[in-house]
Amino acid sequence: MVNRQRAAGASCGNQGSFPAAAALRWNASLAQAALRHSDDMQTGNFFSHTGSDGSNAGQRMTAAGYAWQGWGENIAAGQATVSDVVAGWIASPGHCANLMKSNFQDIAVACVRGGASNSYRTYWTMVLATPR
């Protein structure tokens, strides 16, 4: 879905209009970083770009073994489907701009289900990056 949107280009509100961009590649190291953050949010029952240990997405990517020169992160909570979460990101100017930035080459997404004691039924993390 993200690559289809990138191929079409997008208007991202106050972030501007973005022309079509190249498809992103799935990256296993980024998947580890995304899963770590979704797991952390679910376990700690919080919703933030900052991990419970104070980490940011770049630090989580480095810890997972990904050498980056640029990164972005989109998070979401509560959406039941991939379609819902991607539509929400496209509707949000900052998240949309992350999806459309042509310098990003790699991507991973992780979703962890919340439990009965969680505020949300799902915790989503998408990381996008440019390798070094």
Protein backbone atom coordinates (compact mmCIF):
# COMPACT_ATOMS: atom_id res chain seq x y z
CA MET A 1 0.00 0.00 0.00
CA VAL A 2 2.81 2.43 0.82
CA ASN A 3 4.57 1.73 -2.46
CA ARG A 4 1.32 2.23 -4.39
CA GLN A 5 0.91 5.62 -2.72
CA ARG A 6 4.54 6.53 -3.45
CA ALA A 7 4.04 5.61 -7.11
CA ALA A 8 1.01 7.91 -7.31
CA GLY A 9 2.52 10.91 -5.50
CA ALA A 10 0.61 12.74 -2.79
CA SER A 11 -0.47 16.10 -1.47
CA CYS A 12 0.50 16.14 2.20
CA GLY A 13 -1.29 19.26 3.42
CA ASN A 14 1.02 21.84 4.94
CA GLN A 15 4.01 19.58 4.20
CA GLY A 16 3.54 20.17 0.46
CA SER A 17 2.97 18.06 -2.62
CA PHE A 18 5.24 15.16 -3.38
CA PRO A 19 5.82 13.69 -6.84
CA ALA A 20 5.95 9.95 -7.42
CA ALA A 21 8.82 8.28 -5.57
CA ALA A 22 10.63 4.97 -5.99
CA ALA A 23 9.35 1.87 -4.23
CA LEU A 24 10.72 1.08 -0.78
CA ARG A 25 12.47 -2.21 0.04
CA TRP A 26 11.61 -4.33 3.06
CA ASN A 27 14.52 -4.54 5.49
CA ALA A 28 14.79 -7.23 8.17
CA SER A 29 16.93 -5.10 10.52
CA LEU A 30 14.37 -2.30 10.35
CA ALA A 31 11.67 -4.89 11.07
CA GLN A 32 13.48 -5.75 14.32
CA ALA A 33 13.59 -2.06 15.28
CA ALA A 34 9.89 -1.58 14.47
CA LEU A 35 8.88 -4.70 16.39
CA ARG A 36 10.97 -3.65 19.38
CA HIS A 37 9.09 -0.37 19.57
CA SER A 38 5.61 -1.83 19.04
CA ASP A 39 6.35 -4.47 21.70
CA ASP A 40 7.62 -1.78 24.06
CA MET A 41 4.52 0.39 23.60
CA GLN A 42 2.22 -2.59 24.15
CA THR A 43 4.12 -3.89 27.19
CA GLY A 44 4.30 -0.45 28.78
CA ASN A 45 0.82 0.58 27.65
CA PHE A 46 2.00 3.89 26.18
CA PHE A 47 1.95 5.64 22.81
CA SER A 48 5.03 7.69 21.92
CA HIS A 49 7.93 7.94 19.49
CA THR A 50 10.20 7.76 22.54
CA GLY A 51 10.80 4.27 23.90
CA SER A 52 10.48 3.38 27.58
CA ASP A 53 14.28 3.48 27.75
CA GLY A 54 14.40 6.98 26.22
CA SER A 55 15.41 5.70 22.77
CA ASN A 56 14.40 7.22 19.46
CA ALA A 57 13.88 5.37 16.18
CA GLY A 58 17.45 6.03 15.00
CA GLN A 59 18.87 4.48 18.16
CA ARG A 60 16.56 1.47 17.79
CA MET A 61 17.65 1.04 14.15
CA THR A 62 21.31 1.19 15.12
CA ALA A 63 20.75 -1.37 17.90
CA ALA A 64 19.14 -3.67 15.32
CA GLY A 65 22.25 -3.44 13.12
CA TYR A 66 21.02 -0.98 10.48
CA ALA A 67 23.56 1.68 9.43
CA TRP A 68 21.48 4.74 8.49
CA GLN A 69 22.10 8.24 7.27
CA GLY A 70 18.48 9.34 7.56
CA TRP A 71 15.30 7.95 9.10
CA GLY A 72 11.63 8.57 9.76
CA GLU A 73 9.07 6.88 11.96
CA ASN A 74 5.28 6.70 11.87
CA ILE A 75 3.35 5.21 14.76
CA ALA A 76 -0.33 4.49 15.22
CA ALA A 77 -2.52 2.78 17.78
CA GLY A 78 -5.95 1.21 17.70
CA GLN A 79 -6.44 0.67 13.96
CA ALA A 80 -7.69 -2.81 13.07
CA THR A 81 -6.36 -3.10 9.52
CA VAL A 82 -3.38 -2.14 7.38
CA SER A 83 -5.76 -0.13 5.18
CA ASP A 84 -6.98 1.89 8.16
CA VAL A 85 -3.52 2.68 9.48
CA VAL A 86 -2.07 3.65 6.08
CA ALA A 87 -5.13 5.82 5.33
CA GLY A 88 -4.60 7.57 8.66
CA TRP A 89 -0.96 8.21 7.90
CA ILE A 90 -1.80 9.57 4.43
CA ALA A 91 -4.40 11.91 5.99
CA SER A 92 -1.82 13.30 8.45
CA PRO A 93 0.54 15.80 6.78
CA GLY A 94 3.67 14.86 8.73
CA HIS A 95 3.13 11.12 8.44
CA CYS A 96 2.26 11.48 4.75
CA ALA A 97 5.50 13.40 4.13
CA ASN A 98 7.48 10.61 5.81
CA LEU A 99 5.89 8.08 3.46
CA MET A 100 6.62 10.19 0.40
CA LYS A 101 10.20 11.37 1.04
CA SER A 102 12.16 10.25 -1.99
CA ASN A 103 15.43 9.86 -0.06
CA PHE A 104 14.04 6.91 1.93
CA GLN A 105 14.91 3.53 0.42
CA ASP A 106 14.06 0.93 3.09
CA ILE A 107 10.96 0.22 5.17
CA ALA A 108 9.55 -2.08 7.83
CA VAL A 109 6.28 -2.15 9.74
CA ALA A 110 5.32 -4.04 12.88
CA CYS A 111 1.95 -4.40 14.57
CA VAL A 112 1.49 -5.87 18.05
CA ARG A 113 -1.93 -6.66 19.47
CA GLY A 114 -2.90 -5.08 22.75
CA GLY A 115 -4.34 -7.11 25.58
CA ALA A 116 -7.22 -6.56 27.98
CA SER A 117 -5.12 -4.19 30.11
CA ASN A 118 -3.97 -2.04 27.17
CA SER A 119 -5.42 1.30 26.11
CA TYR A 120 -5.29 0.24 22.43
CA ARG A 121 -6.06 -2.98 20.61
CA THR A 122 -3.05 -2.56 18.28
CA TYR A 123 0.32 -0.78 18.35
CA TRP A 124 1.85 0.02 14.94
CA THR A 125 5.38 1.18 14.12
CA MET A 126 6.66 2.00 10.64
CA VAL A 127 10.30 2.89 10.15
CA LEU A 128 11.70 4.32 6.93
CA ALA A 129 15.39 4.88 6.31
CA THR A 130 18.21 5.74 3.98
CA PRO A 131 21.20 3.42 4.40
CA ARG A 132 24.68 4.79 4.98
